[in-house]
C-alpha atoms as a PDB file:
ATOM      1  CA  MET A   1       0.043   0.005   0.043  1.00  0.00           C
ATOM      2  CA  SER A   2       1.727   3.149  -1.146  1.00  0.00           C
ATOM      3  CA  LYS A   3       1.195   6.691   0.118  1.00  0.00           C
ATOM      4  CA  ASP A   4       1.702   9.821  -1.816  1.00  0.00           C
ATOM      5  CA  GLY A   5       3.086  11.732   1.186  1.00  0.00           C
ATOM      6  CA  ASN A   6      -0.121  13.489   2.363  1.00  0.00           C
ATOM      7  CA  GLY A   7      -1.841  10.563   3.993  1.00  0.00           C
ATOM      8  CA  VAL A   8      -3.949   9.441   0.940  1.00  0.00           C
ATOM      9  CA  ARG A   9      -3.866   5.784   0.425  1.00  0.00           C
ATOM     10  CA  VAL A  10      -4.435   3.968  -2.895  1.00  0.00           C
ATOM     11  CA  ALA A  11      -7.731   2.670  -1.503  1.00  0.00           C
ATOM     12  CA  GLY A  12      -8.971   6.261  -1.129  1.00  0.00           C
ATOM     13  CA  GLU A  13      -9.069   6.297   2.626  1.00  0.00           C
ATOM     14  CA  ILE A  14      -7.008   7.998   5.295  1.00  0.00           C
ATOM     15  CA  VAL A  15      -6.947   7.674   9.087  1.00  0.00           C
ATOM     16  CA  LEU A  16      -7.122  10.709  11.236  1.00  0.00           C
ATOM     17  CA  GLU A  17      -6.869  10.108  14.949  1.00  0.00           C
ATOM     18  CA  LEU A  18      -7.604  12.810  17.535  1.00  0.00           C
ATOM     19  CA  ARG A  19      -6.478  12.145  21.079  1.00  0.00           C
ATOM     20  CA  TYR A  20      -7.597  14.165  24.117  1.00  0.00           C
ATOM     21  CA  ASP A  21      -5.515  14.088  27.247  1.00  0.00           C
ATOM     22  CA  CYS A  22      -7.865  14.423  30.239  1.00  0.00           C
ATOM     23  CA  VAL A  23      -4.955  15.524  32.531  1.00  0.00           C
ATOM     24  CA  SER A  24      -3.335  18.135  30.334  1.00  0.00           C
ATOM     25  CA  PHE A  25      -6.474  18.942  28.348  1.00  0.00           C
ATOM     26  CA  GLN A  26      -4.346  18.865  25.160  1.00  0.00           C
ATOM     27  CA  VAL A  27      -5.506  17.509  21.832  1.00  0.00           C
ATOM     28  CA  SER A  28      -3.089  15.701  19.539  1.00  0.00           C
ATOM     29  CA  ILE A  29      -3.533  14.644  15.959  1.00  0.00           C
ATOM     30  CA  GLY A  30      -2.183  11.337  14.752  1.00  0.00           C
ATOM     31  CA  GLY A  31      -2.808   8.563  12.309  1.00  0.00           C
ATOM     32  CA  GLU A  32      -1.537   8.613   8.755  1.00  0.00           C
ATOM     33  CA  PRO A  33       1.038  11.293   7.988  1.00  0.00           C
ATOM     34  CA  MET A  34      -0.717  14.264   6.403  1.00  0.00           C
ATOM     35  CA  ALA A  35      -0.480  18.013   6.112  1.00  0.00           C
ATOM     36  CA  LEU A  36      -2.011  19.848   9.115  1.00  0.00           C
ATOM     37  CA  SER A  37      -4.200  21.808   6.660  1.00  0.00           C
ATOM     38  CA  LEU A  38      -5.727  18.499   5.416  1.00  0.00           C
ATOM     39  CA  ALA A  39      -6.334  17.328   8.979  1.00  0.00           C
ATOM     40  CA  GLN A  40      -8.095  20.649   9.724  1.00  0.00           C
ATOM     41  CA  MET A  41     -10.281  20.236   6.638  1.00  0.00           C
ATOM     42  CA  ILE A  42     -11.226  16.726   7.817  1.00  0.00           C
ATOM     43  CA  VAL A  43     -12.099  17.954  11.311  1.00  0.00           C
ATOM     44  CA  ASP A  44     -14.082  20.877   9.915  1.00  0.00           C
ATOM     45  CA  GLU A  45     -16.095  18.522   7.639  1.00  0.00           C
ATOM     46  CA  GLY A  46     -16.719  16.149  10.557  1.00  0.00           C
ATOM     47  CA  ALA A  47     -18.016  19.085  12.657  1.00  0.00           C
ATOM     48  CA  ARG A  48     -20.231  20.226   9.697  1.00  0.00           C
ATOM     49  CA  VAL A  49     -21.739  16.746   9.269  1.00  0.00           C
ATOM     50  CA  LEU A  50     -22.322  16.433  12.996  1.00  0.00           C
ATOM     51  CA  ALA A  51     -24.097  19.814  13.117  1.00  0.00           C
ATOM     52  CA  GLU A  52     -26.236  18.782  10.122  1.00  0.00           C
ATOM     53  CA  GLN A  53     -27.162  15.559  11.853  1.00  0.00           C
ATOM     54  CA  ARG A  54     -28.127  17.381  15.000  1.00  0.00           C
ATOM     55  CA  ARG A  55     -30.340  19.809  13.028  1.00  0.00           C
ATOM     56  CA  LEU A  56     -32.050  16.825  11.248  1.00  0.00           C
ATOM     57  CA  ALA A  57     -32.590  15.076  14.588  1.00  0.00           C
ATOM     58  CA  ALA A  58     -34.096  18.236  16.121  1.00  0.00           C
ATOM     59  CA  ALA A  59     -36.403  18.654  13.081  1.00  0.00           C
ATOM     60  CA  MET A  60     -37.557  15.050  13.367  1.00  0.00           C
ATOM     61  CA  GLN A  61     -38.201  15.438  17.076  1.00  0.00           C
ATOM     62  CA  LEU A  62     -40.213  18.582  16.427  1.00  0.00           C
ATOM     63  CA  GLN A  63     -42.258  16.839  13.726  1.00  0.00           C
ATOM     64  CA  LYS A  64     -42.916  13.916  16.093  1.00  0.00           C
ATOM     65  CA  GLN A  65     -44.036  16.359  18.832  1.00  0.00           C
ATOM     66  CA  MET A  66     -46.339  18.201  16.371  1.00  0.00           C
ATOM     67  CA  GLN A  67     -47.872  14.882  15.333  1.00  0.00           C
ATOM     68  CA  GLU A  68     -48.416  13.901  18.941  1.00  0.00           C
ATOM     69  CA  GLN A  69     -50.033  17.245  19.684  1.00  0.00           C
ATOM     70  CA  ALA A  70     -52.334  16.961  16.673  1.00  0.00           C
ATOM     71  CA  HIS A  71     -53.337  13.420  17.809  1.00  0.00           C
ATOM     72  CA  ALA A  72     -54.035  14.707  21.399  1.00  0.00           C
ATOM     73  CA  GLN A  73     -56.136  17.576  19.975  1.00  0.00           C
ATOM     74  CA  GLU A  74     -58.139  15.132  17.827  1.00  0.00           C
ATOM     75  CA  ILE A  75     -58.810  12.926  20.924  1.00  0.00           C
ATOM     76  CA  ALA A  76     -59.872  15.991  22.920  1.00  0.00           C
ATOM     77  CA  ARG A  77     -62.150  17.102  20.064  1.00  0.00           C
ATOM     78  CA  ARG A  78     -63.800  13.682  19.910  1.00  0.00           C
ATOM     79  CA  VAL A  79     -64.228  13.454  23.654  1.00  0.00           C
ATOM     80  CA  SER A  80     -65.820  16.871  23.896  1.00  0.00           C
ATOM     81  CA  GLY A  81     -68.384  15.818  21.334  1.00  0.00           C
ATOM     82  CA  ARG A  82     -67.490  18.405  18.679  1.00  0.00           C
ATOM     83  CA  GLY A  83     -66.425  15.698  16.310  1.00  0.00           C
ATOM     84  CA  ASN A  84     -69.943  14.461  15.527  1.00  0.00           C
END
């Protein structure tokens, strides 16, 4: 498996390892040798994807809550006799 010097493998994958030291509170970057700018791009993209997933999860939760509220309102309407 050859490398072209910036961490890219022939298979099209690279490994980026972030380590957090709980004692010194320092972050270190390891894994395949790569330029720091490439590692920063990978971390930024990971943060972007995570933020997008969080927004989607929040939207799904809101949609579920709205459906539950509509269902509860329908039950209340039927119980009160206004649904006849």
